[in-house]
Amino acid sequence: MGASDRVVVGCTSGADAAERVTAAYLAAVAAVDAGREVVMWLTADGVRLADEGYVDAIQTVWAPPVAELHRRFVEGGGRFYVCPLAWEGCELDAGRLVAGAEVRDAAAVLAFAGDGALTFSY
C-alpha cells in the first residue's frame, strides 16, 4: 500500500474522555473497513488503550462499546503505535500490551505516514 492508502489516528485520551476515545476508534474502524492500512498513534493518557483490559469499561450512550470497536479494529488488521515516553510515564507493563500494539516512537509514525497518510487526531 502507498502512503495514500494509510491512515494515522492519533489519540491522547483515556477513559475519562470516553467520547474522544470512541470517536478515535470509530474513525479507525471505518478506515480498516474501507481497506486502509491503519495505525492508532497513542500518546499521553491514550497509551492506556493499549493496556490489556483497559478498554473493557469504556462506553458512551451513542456508540458501540469501545471493547467491541477495539476488537473490530484489531481483527481488521489495525495496529497501535504506543509512545514509549508516555507508556513509561504511566508505569505500564510491556507484558500487558494488547494484540497489534508495539511501543514505537514518533519517527516510526512518520515513516509509516510517508508522504501522504490521512490523519485524524482525538
PDB file of N, CA and C in Angstrom:
ATOM      1  N   MET A   1       0.840  -1.191   0.000  1.00  0.00           N
ATOM      2  CA  MET A   1       0.000   0.000   0.000  1.00  0.00           C
ATOM      3  C   MET A   1       0.874   1.238   0.000  1.00  0.00           C
ATOM      4  N   GLY A   2       0.432   2.243  -0.710  1.00  0.00           N
ATOM      5  CA  GLY A   2       1.136   3.513  -0.707  1.00  0.00           C
ATOM      6  C   GLY A   2       0.687   4.383   0.444  1.00  0.00           C
ATOM      7  N   ALA A   3       1.385   5.495   0.611  1.00  0.00           N
ATOM      8  CA  ALA A   3       1.047   6.407   1.715  1.00  0.00           C
ATOM      9  C   ALA A   3      -0.392   6.881   1.632  1.00  0.00           C
ATOM     10  N   SER A   4      -0.938   7.005   0.414  1.00  0.00           N
ATOM     11  CA  SER A   4      -2.314   7.495   0.282  1.00  0.00           C
ATOM     12  C   SER A   4      -3.343   6.472   0.756  1.00  0.00           C
ATOM     13  N   ASP A   5      -2.913   5.236   0.960  1.00  0.00           N
ATOM     14  CA  ASP A   5      -3.801   4.196   1.479  1.00  0.00           C
ATOM     15  C   ASP A   5      -3.634   3.998   2.978  1.00  0.00           C
ATOM     16  N   ARG A   6      -2.845   4.871   3.578  1.00  0.00           N
ATOM     17  CA  ARG A   6      -2.559   4.746   5.002  1.00  0.00           C
ATOM     18  C   ARG A   6      -3.289   5.815   5.803  1.00  0.00           C
ATOM     19  N   VAL A   7      -3.667   5.436   7.014  1.00  0.00           N
ATOM     20  CA  VAL A   7      -4.370   6.348   7.911  1.00  0.00           C
ATOM     21  C   VAL A   7      -3.705   6.276   9.283  1.00  0.00           C
ATOM     22  N   VAL A   8      -3.480   7.447   9.871  1.00  0.00           N
ATOM     23  CA  VAL A   8      -2.987   7.542  11.243  1.00  0.00           C
ATOM     24  C   VAL A   8      -4.079   8.201  12.073  1.00  0.00           C
ATOM     25  N   VAL A   9      -4.509   7.527  13.129  1.00  0.00           N
ATOM     26  CA  VAL A   9      -5.493   8.078  14.053  1.00  0.00           C
ATOM     27  C   VAL A   9      -4.785   8.294  15.385  1.00  0.00           C
ATOM     28  N   GLY A  10      -4.574   9.547  15.735  1.00  0.00           N
ATOM     29  CA  GLY A  10      -3.915   9.875  16.997  1.00  0.00           C
ATOM     30  C   GLY A  10      -4.932   9.986  18.118  1.00  0.00           C
ATOM     31  N   CYS A  11      -4.591   9.433  19.267  1.00  0.00           N
ATOM     32  CA  CYS A  11      -5.479   9.535  20.426  1.00  0.00           C
ATOM     33  C   CYS A  11      -4.652   9.812  21.677  1.00  0.00           C
ATOM     34  N   THR A  12      -4.989  10.904  22.351  1.00  0.00           N
ATOM     35  CA  THR A  12      -4.295  11.294  23.581  1.00  0.00           C
ATOM     36  C   THR A  12      -5.161  11.080  24.818  1.00  0.00           C
ATOM     37  N   SER A  13      -6.345  10.504  24.628  1.00  0.00           N
ATOM     38  CA  SER A  13      -7.324  10.416  25.717  1.00  0.00           C
ATOM     39  C   SER A  13      -7.485   9.002  26.242  1.00  0.00           C
ATOM     40  N   GLY A  14      -7.921   8.930  27.500  1.00  0.00           N
ATOM     41  CA  GLY A  14      -8.233   7.662  28.136  1.00  0.00           C
ATOM     42  C   GLY A  14      -9.694   7.613  28.535  1.00  0.00           C
ATOM     43  N   ALA A  15     -10.021   6.761  29.483  1.00  0.00           N
ATOM     44  CA  ALA A  15     -11.404   6.518  29.886  1.00  0.00           C
ATOM     45  C   ALA A  15     -12.121   7.766  30.376  1.00  0.00           C
ATOM     46  N   ASP A  16     -11.387   8.749  30.880  1.00  0.00           N
ATOM     47  CA  ASP A  16     -12.026   9.973  31.368  1.00  0.00           C
ATOM     48  C   ASP A  16     -12.591  10.822  30.234  1.00  0.00           C
ATOM     49  N   ALA A  17     -12.267  10.488  29.003  1.00  0.00           N
ATOM     50  CA  ALA A  17     -12.788  11.198  27.826  1.00  0.00           C
ATOM     51  C   ALA A  17     -13.357  10.163  26.857  1.00  0.00           C
ATOM     52  N   ALA A  18     -14.369   9.436  27.313  1.00  0.00           N
ATOM     53  CA  ALA A  18     -14.931   8.322  26.546  1.00  0.00           C
ATOM     54  C   ALA A  18     -15.399   8.727  25.154  1.00  0.00           C
ATOM     55  N   GLU A  19     -15.931   9.937  25.014  1.00  0.00           N
ATOM     56  CA  GLU A  19     -16.413  10.379  23.705  1.00  0.00           C
ATOM     57  C   GLU A  19     -15.265  10.512  22.714  1.00  0.00           C
ATOM     58  N   ARG A  20     -14.143  11.057  23.154  1.00  0.00           N
ATOM     59  CA  ARG A  20     -12.978  11.210  22.274  1.00  0.00           C
ATOM     60  C   ARG A  20     -12.394   9.851  21.912  1.00  0.00           C
ATOM     61  N   VAL A  21     -12.307   8.964  22.879  1.00  0.00           N
ATOM     62  CA  VAL A  21     -11.800   7.617  22.618  1.00  0.00           C
ATOM     63  C   VAL A  21     -12.707   6.910  21.619  1.00  0.00           C
ATOM     64  N   THR A  22     -14.013   6.999  21.836  1.00  0.00           N
ATOM     65  CA  THR A  22     -14.968   6.368  20.932  1.00  0.00           C
ATOM     66  C   THR A  22     -14.838   6.936  19.527  1.00  0.00           C
ATOM     67  N   ALA A  23     -14.738   8.249  19.406  1.00  0.00           N
ATOM     68  CA  ALA A  23     -14.591   8.872  18.087  1.00  0.00           C
ATOM     69  C   ALA A  23     -13.324   8.392  17.391  1.00  0.00           C
ATOM     70  N   ALA A  24     -12.232   8.261  18.133  1.00  0.00           N
ATOM     71  CA  ALA A  24     -10.977   7.770  17.547  1.00  0.00           C
ATOM     72  C   ALA A  24     -11.155   6.350  17.021  1.00  0.00           C
ATOM     73  N   TYR A  25     -11.760   5.495  17.816  1.00  0.00           N
ATOM     74  CA  TYR A  25     -11.981   4.115  17.375  1.00  0.00           C
ATOM     75  C   TYR A  25     -12.949   4.044  16.198  1.00  0.00           C
ATOM     76  N   LEU A  26     -13.996   4.866  16.195  1.00  0.00           N
ATOM     77  CA  LEU A  26     -14.925   4.857  15.064  1.00  0.00           C
ATOM     78  C   LEU A  26     -14.209   5.227  13.773  1.00  0.00           C
ATOM     79  N   ALA A  27     -13.344   6.232  13.819  1.00  0.00           N
ATOM     80  CA  ALA A  27     -12.575   6.624  12.634  1.00  0.00           C
ATOM     81  C   ALA A  27     -11.634   5.500  12.210  1.00  0.00           C
ATOM     82  N   ALA A  28     -10.958   4.893  13.175  1.00  0.00           N
ATOM     83  CA  ALA A  28     -10.006   3.825  12.867  1.00  0.00           C
ATOM     84  C   ALA A  28     -10.704   2.602  12.276  1.00  0.00           C
ATOM     85  N   VAL A  29     -11.836   2.218  12.847  1.00  0.00           N
ATOM     86  CA  VAL A  29     -12.581   1.066  12.338  1.00  0.00           C
ATOM     87  C   VAL A  29     -13.117   1.356  10.938  1.00  0.00           C
ATOM     88  N   ALA A  30     -13.620   2.558  10.709  1.00  0.00           N
ATOM     89  CA  ALA A  30     -14.109   2.915   9.374  1.00  0.00           C
ATOM     90  C   ALA A  30     -12.990   2.812   8.345  1.00  0.00           C
ATOM     91  N   ALA A  31     -11.796   3.247   8.709  1.00  0.00           N
ATOM     92  CA  ALA A  31     -10.663   3.179   7.784  1.00  0.00           C
ATOM     93  C   ALA A  31     -10.258   1.732   7.505  1.00  0.00           C
ATOM     94  N   VAL A  32     -10.217   0.895   8.540  1.00  0.00           N
ATOM     95  CA  VAL A  32      -9.902  -0.522   8.353  1.00  0.00           C
ATOM     96  C   VAL A  32     -10.960  -1.171   7.469  1.00  0.00           C
ATOM     97  N   ASP A  33     -12.235  -0.876   7.739  1.00  0.00           N
ATOM     98  CA  ASP A  33     -13.324  -1.441   6.943  1.00  0.00           C
ATOM     99  C   ASP A  33     -13.249  -1.011   5.481  1.00  0.00           C
ATOM    100  N   ALA A  34     -12.656   0.160   5.236  1.00  0.00           N
ATOM    101  CA  ALA A  34     -12.502   0.664   3.866  1.00  0.00           C
ATOM    102  C   ALA A  34     -11.253   0.099   3.183  1.00  0.00           C
ATOM    103  N   GLY A  35     -10.547  -0.786   3.874  1.00  0.00           N
ATOM    104  CA  GLY A  35      -9.379  -1.414   3.279  1.00  0.00           C
ATOM    105  C   GLY A  35      -8.086  -0.646   3.434  1.00  0.00           C
ATOM    106  N   ARG A  36      -8.087   0.356   4.293  1.00  0.00           N
ATOM    107  CA  ARG A  36      -6.876   1.151   4.518  1.00  0.00           C
ATOM    108  C   ARG A  36      -5.960   0.461   5.523  1.00  0.00           C
ATOM    109  N   GLU A  37      -4.680   0.788   5.446  1.00  0.00           N
ATOM    110  CA  GLU A  37      -3.704   0.347   6.438  1.00  0.00           C
ATOM    111  C   GLU A  37      -3.715   1.394   7.544  1.00  0.00           C
ATOM    112  N   VAL A  38      -4.016   0.991   8.779  1.00  0.00           N
ATOM    113  CA  VAL A  38      -4.284   1.959   9.844  1.00  0.00           C
ATOM    114  C   VAL A  38      -3.399   1.723  11.064  1.00  0.00           C
ATOM    115  N   VAL A  39      -2.855   2.829  11.566  1.00  0.00           N
ATOM    116  CA  VAL A  39      -2.138   2.833  12.835  1.00  0.00           C
ATOM    117  C   VAL A  39      -2.828   3.829  13.752  1.00  0.00           C
ATOM    118  N   MET A  40      -3.141   3.391  14.964  1.00  0.00           N
ATOM    119  CA  MET A  40      -3.563   4.320  16.006  1.00  0.00           C
ATOM    120  C   MET A  40      -2.307   4.691  16.783  1.00  0.00           C
ATOM    121  N   TRP A  41      -1.986   6.000  16.791  1.00  0.00           N
ATOM    122  CA  TRP A  41      -0.807   6.526  17.487  1.00  0.00           C
ATOM    123  C   TRP A  41      -1.282   6.989  18.849  1.00  0.00           C
ATOM    124  N   LEU A  42      -0.897   6.256  19.884  1.00  0.00           N
ATOM    125  CA  LEU A  42      -1.371   6.503  21.242  1.00  0.00           C
ATOM    126  C   LEU A  42      -0.313   7.253  22.035  1.00  0.00           C
ATOM    127  N   THR A  43      -0.699   8.421  22.550  1.00  0.00           N
ATOM    128  CA  THR A  43       0.201   9.243  23.351  1.00  0.00           C
ATOM    129  C   THR A  43      -0.541   9.720  24.599  1.00  0.00           C
ATOM    130  N   ALA A  44       0.188  10.330  25.523  1.00  0.00           N
ATOM    131  CA  ALA A  44      -0.389  10.847  26.772  1.00  0.00           C
ATOM    132  C   ALA A  44      -1.260   9.754  27.409  1.00  0.00           C
ATOM    133  N   ASP A  45      -2.462  10.092  27.878  1.00  0.00           N
ATOM    134  CA  ASP A  45      -3.333   9.090  28.501  1.00  0.00           C
ATOM    135  C   ASP A  45      -3.821   8.037  27.513  1.00  0.00           C
ATOM    136  N   GLY A  46      -3.730   8.322  26.224  1.00  0.00           N
ATOM    137  CA  GLY A  46      -4.154   7.366  25.206  1.00  0.00           C
ATOM    138  C   GLY A  46      -3.384   6.061  25.229  1.00  0.00           C
ATOM    139  N   VAL A  47      -2.166   6.069  25.783  1.00  0.00           N
ATOM    140  CA  VAL A  47      -1.394   4.818  25.826  1.00  0.00           C
ATOM    141  C   VAL A  47      -2.111   3.745  26.632  1.00  0.00           C
ATOM    142  N   ARG A  48      -2.959   4.155  27.551  1.00  0.00           N
ATOM    143  CA  ARG A  48      -3.679   3.175  28.376  1.00  0.00           C
ATOM    144  C   ARG A  48      -4.601   2.292  27.532  1.00  0.00           C
ATOM    145  N   LEU A  49      -4.998   2.759  26.349  1.00  0.00           N
ATOM    146  CA  LEU A  49      -5.842   1.956  25.463  1.00  0.00           C
ATOM    147  C   LEU A  49      -5.125   0.690  25.011  1.00  0.00           C
ATOM    148  N   ALA A  50      -3.799   0.688  25.071  1.00  0.00           N
ATOM    149  CA  ALA A  50      -3.011  -0.479  24.675  1.00  0.00           C
ATOM    150  C   ALA A  50      -2.714  -1.407  25.850  1.00  0.00           C
ATOM    151  N   ASP A  51      -3.242  -1.096  27.022  1.00  0.00           N
ATOM    152  CA  ASP A  51      -3.065  -1.934  28.213  1.00  0.00           C
ATOM    153  C   ASP A  51      -4.209  -2.953  28.250  1.00  0.00           C
ATOM    154  N   GLU A  52      -3.868  -4.225  28.266  1.00  0.00           N
ATOM    155  CA  GLU A  52      -4.861  -5.302  28.211  1.00  0.00           C
ATOM    156  C   GLU A  52      -5.999  -5.075  29.209  1.00  0.00           C
ATOM    157  N   GLY A  53      -7.245  -5.085  28.707  1.00  0.00           N
ATOM    158  CA  GLY A  53      -8.434  -4.959  29.538  1.00  0.00           C
ATOM    159  C   GLY A  53      -8.896  -3.540  29.810  1.00  0.00           C
ATOM    160  N   TYR A  54      -8.061  -2.549  29.521  1.00  0.00           N
ATOM    161  CA  TYR A  54      -8.403  -1.164  29.862  1.00  0.00           C
ATOM    162  C   TYR A  54      -9.668  -0.683  29.153  1.00  0.00           C
ATOM    163  N   VAL A  55      -9.855  -1.045  27.890  1.00  0.00           N
ATOM    164  CA  VAL A  55     -10.994  -0.517  27.127  1.00  0.00           C
ATOM    165  C   VAL A  55     -12.320  -1.173  27.503  1.00  0.00           C
ATOM    166  N   ASP A  56     -12.283  -2.251  28.251  1.00  0.00           N
ATOM    167  CA  ASP A  56     -13.498  -3.023  28.524  1.00  0.00           C
ATOM    168  C   ASP A  56     -14.627  -2.218  29.149  1.00  0.00           C
ATOM    169  N   ALA A  57     -14.325  -1.221  29.948  1.00  0.00           N
ATOM    170  CA  ALA A  57     -15.366  -0.459  30.653  1.00  0.00           C
ATOM    171  C   ALA A  57     -15.712   0.865  29.971  1.00  0.00           C
ATOM    172  N   ILE A  58     -15.086   1.174  28.847  1.00  0.00           N
ATOM    173  CA  ILE A  58     -15.334   2.471  28.204  1.00  0.00           C
ATOM    174  C   ILE A  58     -16.557   2.365  27.305  1.00  0.00           C
ATOM    175  N   GLN A  59     -17.532   3.241  27.544  1.00  0.00           N
ATOM    176  CA  GLN A  59     -18.805   3.190  26.813  1.00  0.00           C
ATOM    177  C   GLN A  59     -19.417   4.581  26.761  1.00  0.00           C
ATOM    178  N   THR A  60     -19.975   4.921  25.618  1.00  0.00           N
ATOM    179  CA  THR A  60     -20.794   6.120  25.507  1.00  0.00           C
ATOM    180  C   THR A  60     -22.219   5.670  25.218  1.00  0.00           C
ATOM    181  N   VAL A  61     -23.174   6.585  25.316  1.00  0.00           N
ATOM    182  CA  VAL A  61     -24.570   6.201  25.082  1.00  0.00           C
ATOM    183  C   VAL A  61     -24.913   6.144  23.600  1.00  0.00           C
ATOM    184  N   TRP A  62     -24.068   6.701  22.739  1.00  0.00           N
ATOM    185  CA  TRP A  62     -24.413   6.837  21.329  1.00  0.00           C
ATOM    186  C   TRP A  62     -23.625   5.940  20.388  1.00  0.00           C
ATOM    187  N   ALA A  63     -22.814   5.028  20.912  1.00  0.00           N
ATOM    188  CA  ALA A  63     -21.972   4.208  20.038  1.00  0.00           C
ATOM    189  C   ALA A  63     -21.770   2.830  20.658  1.00  0.00           C
ATOM    190  N   PRO A  64     -21.276   1.886  19.856  1.00  0.00           N
ATOM    191  CA  PRO A  64     -20.961   0.570  20.420  1.00  0.00           C
ATOM    192  C   PRO A  64     -19.902   0.687  21.515  1.00  0.00           C
ATOM    193  N   PRO A  65     -19.830  -0.287  22.402  1.00  0.00           N
ATOM    194  CA  PRO A  65     -18.786  -0.271  23.430  1.00  0.00           C
ATOM    195  C   PRO A  65     -17.398  -0.219  22.785  1.00  0.00           C
ATOM    196  N   VAL A  66     -16.486   0.483  23.419  1.00  0.00           N
ATOM    197  CA  VAL A  66     -15.135   0.598  22.873  1.00  0.00           C
ATOM    198  C   VAL A  66     -14.482  -0.779  22.757  1.00  0.00           C
ATOM    199  N   ALA A  67     -14.770  -1.686  23.673  1.00  0.00           N
ATOM    200  CA  ALA A  67     -14.198  -3.034  23.582  1.00  0.00           C
ATOM    201  C   ALA A  67     -14.577  -3.699  22.261  1.00  0.00           C
ATOM    202  N   GLU A  68     -15.817  -3.503  21.813  1.00  0.00           N
ATOM    203  CA  GLU A  68     -16.252  -4.066  20.531  1.00  0.00           C
ATOM    204  C   GLU A  68     -15.518  -3.394  19.371  1.00  0.00           C
ATOM    205  N   LEU A  69     -15.395  -2.065  19.419  1.00  0.00           N
ATOM    206  CA  LEU A  69     -14.671  -1.341  18.371  1.00  0.00           C
ATOM    207  C   LEU A  69     -13.201  -1.753  18.351  1.00  0.00           C
ATOM    208  N   HIS A  70     -12.622  -1.918  19.531  1.00  0.00           N
ATOM    209  CA  HIS A  70     -11.230  -2.359  19.650  1.00  0.00           C
ATOM    210  C   HIS A  70     -11.051  -3.723  18.973  1.00  0.00           C
ATOM    211  N   ARG A  71     -11.936  -4.645  19.272  1.00  0.00           N
ATOM    212  CA  ARG A  71     -11.875  -5.989  18.683  1.00  0.00           C
ATOM    213  C   ARG A  71     -11.958  -5.918  17.169  1.00  0.00           C
ATOM    214  N   ARG A  72     -12.901  -5.134  16.649  1.00  0.00           N
ATOM    215  CA  ARG A  72     -13.060  -4.995  15.197  1.00  0.00           C
ATOM    216  C   ARG A  72     -11.819  -4.385  14.561  1.00  0.00           C
ATOM    217  N   PHE A  73     -11.220  -3.403  15.226  1.00  0.00           N
ATOM    218  CA  PHE A  73     -10.016  -2.756  14.712  1.00  0.00           C
ATOM    219  C   PHE A  73      -8.871  -3.767  14.604  1.00  0.00           C
ATOM    220  N   VAL A  74      -8.640  -4.517  15.663  1.00  0.00           N
ATOM    221  CA  VAL A  74      -7.542  -5.489  15.668  1.00  0.00           C
ATOM    222  C   VAL A  74      -7.808  -6.608  14.662  1.00  0.00           C
ATOM    223  N   GLU A  75      -9.031  -7.129  14.643  1.00  0.00           N
ATOM    224  CA  GLU A  75      -9.366  -8.204  13.702  1.00  0.00           C
ATOM    225  C   GLU A  75      -9.245  -7.748  12.255  1.00  0.00           C
ATOM    226  N   GLY A  76      -9.442  -6.449  12.016  1.00  0.00           N
ATOM    227  CA  GLY A  76      -9.321  -5.897  10.669  1.00  0.00           C
ATOM    228  C   GLY A  76      -7.890  -5.590  10.262  1.00  0.00           C
ATOM    229  N   GLY A  77      -6.944  -5.863  11.146  1.00  0.00           N
ATOM    230  CA  GLY A  77      -5.541  -5.633  10.821  1.00  0.00           C
ATOM    231  C   GLY A  77      -4.981  -4.323  11.324  1.00  0.00           C
ATOM    232  N   GLY A  78      -5.767  -3.577  12.098  1.00  0.00           N
ATOM    233  CA  GLY A  78      -5.280  -2.314  12.650  1.00  0.00           C
ATOM    234  C   GLY A  78      -4.161  -2.538  13.650  1.00  0.00           C
ATOM    235  N   ARG A  79      -3.273  -1.549  13.730  1.00  0.00           N
ATOM    236  CA  ARG A  79      -2.138  -1.638  14.648  1.00  0.00           C
ATOM    237  C   ARG A  79      -2.098  -0.413  15.547  1.00  0.00           C
ATOM    238  N   PHE A  80      -1.441  -0.567  16.682  1.00  0.00           N
ATOM    239  CA  PHE A  80      -1.233   0.520  17.633  1.00  0.00           C
ATOM    240  C   PHE A  80       0.256   0.795  17.738  1.00  0.00           C
ATOM    241  N   TYR A  81       0.633   2.061  17.605  1.00  0.00           N
ATOM    242  CA  TYR A  81       1.982   2.500  17.945  1.00  0.00           C
ATOM    243  C   TYR A  81       1.832   3.267  19.251  1.00  0.00           C
ATOM    244  N   VAL A  82       2.559   2.832  20.264  1.00  0.00           N
ATOM    245  CA  VAL A  82       2.417   3.360  21.615  1.00  0.00           C
ATOM    246  C   VAL A  82       3.645   4.193  21.957  1.00  0.00           C
ATOM    247  N   CYS A  83       3.425   5.444  22.318  1.00  0.00           N
ATOM    248  CA  CYS A  83       4.518   6.351  22.664  1.00  0.00           C
ATOM    249  C   CYS A  83       5.324   5.780  23.832  1.00  0.00           C
ATOM    250  N   PRO A  84       6.624   5.583  23.646  1.00  0.00           N
ATOM    251  CA  PRO A  84       7.413   4.989  24.724  1.00  0.00           C
ATOM    252  C   PRO A  84       7.520   5.870  25.969  1.00  0.00           C
ATOM    253  N   LEU A  85       7.603   7.169  25.789  1.00  0.00           N
ATOM    254  CA  LEU A  85       7.721   8.058  26.949  1.00  0.00           C
ATOM    255  C   LEU A  85       6.446   8.053  27.784  1.00  0.00           C
ATOM    256  N   ALA A  86       5.295   8.104  27.114  1.00  0.00           N
ATOM    257  CA  ALA A  86       4.022   8.091  27.839  1.00  0.00           C
ATOM    258  C   ALA A  86       3.786   6.731  28.498  1.00  0.00           C
ATOM    259  N   TRP A  87       4.137   5.648  27.799  1.00  0.00           N
ATOM    260  CA  TRP A  87       3.974   4.301  28.364  1.00  0.00           C
ATOM    261  C   TRP A  87       4.784   4.174  29.647  1.00  0.00           C
ATOM    262  N   GLU A  88       6.046   4.595  29.582  1.00  0.00           N
ATOM    263  CA  GLU A  88       6.901   4.546  30.775  1.00  0.00           C
ATOM    264  C   GLU A  88       6.377   5.474  31.865  1.00  0.00           C
ATOM    265  N   GLY A  89       5.916   6.659  31.471  1.00  0.00           N
ATOM    266  CA  GLY A  89       5.407   7.626  32.437  1.00  0.00           C
ATOM    267  C   GLY A  89       4.192   7.128  33.188  1.00  0.00           C
ATOM    268  N   CYS A  90       3.402   6.287  32.539  1.00  0.00           N
ATOM    269  CA  CYS A  90       2.224   5.701  33.193  1.00  0.00           C
ATOM    270  C   CYS A  90       2.580   4.435  33.971  1.00  0.00           C
ATOM    271  N   GLU A  91       3.849   4.048  33.908  1.00  0.00           N
ATOM    272  CA  GLU A  91       4.345   2.861  34.609  1.00  0.00           C
ATOM    273  C   GLU A  91       3.537   1.614  34.260  1.00  0.00           C
ATOM    274  N   LEU A  92       3.298   1.426  32.951  1.00  0.00           N
ATOM    275  CA  LEU A  92       2.553   0.269  32.479  1.00  0.00           C
ATOM    276  C   LEU A  92       3.515  -0.856  32.122  1.00  0.00           C
ATOM    277  N   ASP A  93       3.028  -2.084  32.176  1.00  0.00           N
ATOM    278  CA  ASP A  93       3.835  -3.282  31.953  1.00  0.00           C
ATOM    279  C   ASP A  93       3.784  -3.677  30.477  1.00  0.00           C
ATOM    280  N   ALA A  94       4.942  -3.746  29.824  1.00  0.00           N
ATOM    281  CA  ALA A  94       5.004  -4.107  28.406  1.00  0.00           C
ATOM    282  C   ALA A  94       4.427  -5.497  28.148  1.00  0.00           C
ATOM    283  N   GLY A  95       4.392  -6.349  29.153  1.00  0.00           N
ATOM    284  CA  GLY A  95       3.799  -7.671  29.010  1.00  0.00           C
ATOM    285  C   GLY A  95       2.286  -7.637  28.881  1.00  0.00           C
ATOM    286  N   ARG A  96       1.690  -6.478  29.113  1.00  0.00           N
ATOM    287  CA  ARG A  96       0.230  -6.332  29.035  1.00  0.00           C
ATOM    288  C   ARG A  96      -0.222  -5.606  27.772  1.00  0.00           C
ATOM    289  N   LEU A  97       0.679  -5.404  26.815  1.00  0.00           N
ATOM    290  CA  LEU A  97       0.281  -4.753  25.565  1.00  0.00           C
ATOM    291  C   LEU A  97      -0.756  -5.607  24.841  1.00  0.00           C
ATOM    292  N   VAL A  98      -1.774  -4.966  24.299  1.00  0.00           N
ATOM    293  CA  VAL A  98      -2.814  -5.672  23.552  1.00  0.00           C
ATOM    294  C   VAL A  98      -2.254  -6.188  22.230  1.00  0.00           C
ATOM    295  N   ALA A  99      -2.963  -7.120  21.626  1.00  0.00           N
ATOM    296  CA  ALA A  99      -2.582  -7.627  20.308  1.00  0.00           C
ATOM    297  C   ALA A  99      -2.510  -6.467  19.320  1.00  0.00           C
ATOM    298  N   GLY A 100      -1.511  -6.492  18.476  1.00  0.00           N
ATOM    299  CA  GLY A 100      -1.362  -5.456  17.465  1.00  0.00           C
ATOM    300  C   GLY A 100      -0.672  -4.200  17.949  1.00  0.00           C
ATOM    301  N   ALA A 101      -0.240  -4.179  19.214  1.00  0.00           N
ATOM    302  CA  ALA A 101       0.395  -2.977  19.770  1.00  0.00           C
ATOM    303  C   ALA A 101       1.895  -3.175  19.896  1.00  0.00           C
ATOM    304  N   GLU A 102       2.614  -2.105  19.610  1.00  0.00           N
ATOM    305  CA  GLU A 102       4.053  -2.098  19.833  1.00  0.00           C
ATOM    306  C   GLU A 102       4.471  -0.712  20.280  1.00  0.00           C
ATOM    307  N   VAL A 103       5.442  -0.683  21.166  1.00  0.00           N
ATOM    308  CA  VAL A 103       5.971   0.590  21.642  1.00  0.00           C
ATOM    309  C   VAL A 103       6.879   1.125  20.543  1.00  0.00           C
ATOM    310  N   ARG A 104       6.478   2.275  19.960  1.00  0.00           N
ATOM    311  CA  ARG A 104       7.212   2.869  18.835  1.00  0.00           C
ATOM    312  C   ARG A 104       7.245   4.374  19.036  1.00  0.00           C
ATOM    313  N   ASP A 105       8.303   4.994  18.563  1.00  0.00           N
ATOM    314  CA  ASP A 105       8.437   6.445  18.727  1.00  0.00           C
ATOM    315  C   ASP A 105       7.840   7.201  17.543  1.00  0.00           C
ATOM    316  N   ALA A 106       7.893   8.517  17.634  1.00  0.00           N
ATOM    317  CA  ALA A 106       7.308   9.368  16.594  1.00  0.00           C
ATOM    318  C   ALA A 106       7.967   9.151  15.243  1.00  0.00           C
ATOM    319  N   ALA A 107       9.251   8.803  15.222  1.00  0.00           N
ATOM    320  CA  ALA A 107       9.934   8.536  13.952  1.00  0.00           C
ATOM    321  C   ALA A 107       9.266   7.376  13.217  1.00  0.00           C
ATOM    322  N   ALA A 108       8.801   6.375  13.949  1.00  0.00           N
ATOM    323  CA  ALA A 108       8.107   5.243  13.334  1.00  0.00           C
ATOM    324  C   ALA A 108       6.771   5.680  12.744  1.00  0.00           C
ATOM    325  N   VAL A 109       6.088   6.588  13.424  1.00  0.00           N
ATOM    326  CA  VAL A 109       4.821   7.111  12.902  1.00  0.00           C
ATOM    327  C   VAL A 109       5.074   7.878  11.613  1.00  0.00           C
ATOM    328  N   LEU A 110       6.100   8.709  11.609  1.00  0.00           N
ATOM    329  CA  LEU A 110       6.446   9.467  10.405  1.00  0.00           C
ATOM    330  C   LEU A 110       6.819   8.539   9.256  1.00  0.00           C
ATOM    331  N   ALA A 111       7.559   7.490   9.536  1.00  0.00           N
ATOM    332  CA  ALA A 111       7.929   6.532   8.498  1.00  0.00           C
ATOM    333  C   ALA A 111       6.688   5.843   7.938  1.00  0.00           C
ATOM    334  N   PHE A 112       5.755   5.474   8.811  1.00  0.00           N
ATOM    335  CA  PHE A 112       4.509   4.857   8.355  1.00  0.00           C
ATOM    336  C   PHE A 112       3.710   5.827   7.491  1.00  0.00           C
ATOM    337  N   ALA A 113       3.613   7.073   7.924  1.00  0.00           N
ATOM    338  CA  ALA A 113       2.806   8.073   7.218  1.00  0.00           C
ATOM    339  C   ALA A 113       3.380   8.413   5.850  1.00  0.00           C
ATOM    340  N   GLY A 114       4.692   8.382   5.723  1.00  0.00           N
ATOM    341  CA  GLY A 114       5.299   8.691   4.437  1.00  0.00           C
ATOM    342  C   GLY A 114       4.920  10.080   3.966  1.00  0.00           C
ATOM    343  N   ASP A 115       4.572  10.176   2.702  1.00  0.00           N
ATOM    344  CA  ASP A 115       4.263  11.472   2.090  1.00  0.00           C
ATOM    345  C   ASP A 115       2.784  11.673   1.806  1.00  0.00           C
ATOM    346  N   GLY A 116       1.911  11.101   2.612  1.00  0.00           N
ATOM    347  CA  GLY A 116       0.525  11.354   2.279  1.00  0.00           C
ATOM    348  C   GLY A 116      -0.527  10.590   3.049  1.00  0.00           C
ATOM    349  N   ALA A 117      -0.223  10.109   4.227  1.00  0.00           N
ATOM    350  CA  ALA A 117      -1.247   9.417   5.007  1.00  0.00           C
ATOM    351  C   ALA A 117      -2.307  10.406   5.475  1.00  0.00           C
ATOM    352  N   LEU A 118      -3.536   9.951   5.481  1.00  0.00           N
ATOM    353  CA  LEU A 118      -4.636  10.725   6.049  1.00  0.00           C
ATOM    354  C   LEU A 118      -4.513  10.641   7.564  1.00  0.00           C
ATOM    355  N   THR A 119      -4.697  11.760   8.255  1.00  0.00           N
ATOM    356  CA  THR A 119      -4.554  11.751   9.708  1.00  0.00           C
ATOM    357  C   THR A 119      -5.794  12.304  10.397  1.00  0.00           C
ATOM    358  N   PHE A 120      -6.085  11.722  11.546  1.00  0.00           N
ATOM    359  CA  PHE A 120      -7.143  12.182  12.439  1.00  0.00           C
ATOM    360  C   PHE A 120      -6.514  12.321  13.811  1.00  0.00           C
ATOM    361  N   SER A 121      -7.001  13.245  14.611  1.00  0.00           N
ATOM    362  CA  SER A 121      -6.447  13.427  15.946  1.00  0.00           C
ATOM    363  C   SER A 121      -7.566  13.642  16.954  1.00  0.00           C
ATOM    364  N   TYR A 122      -7.530  12.859  18.016  1.00  0.00           N
ATOM    365  CA  TYR A 122      -8.551  12.933  19.064  1.00  0.00           C
ATOM    366  C   TYR A 122      -7.905  13.021  20.423  1.00  0.00           C
TER     367      TYR A 122
END
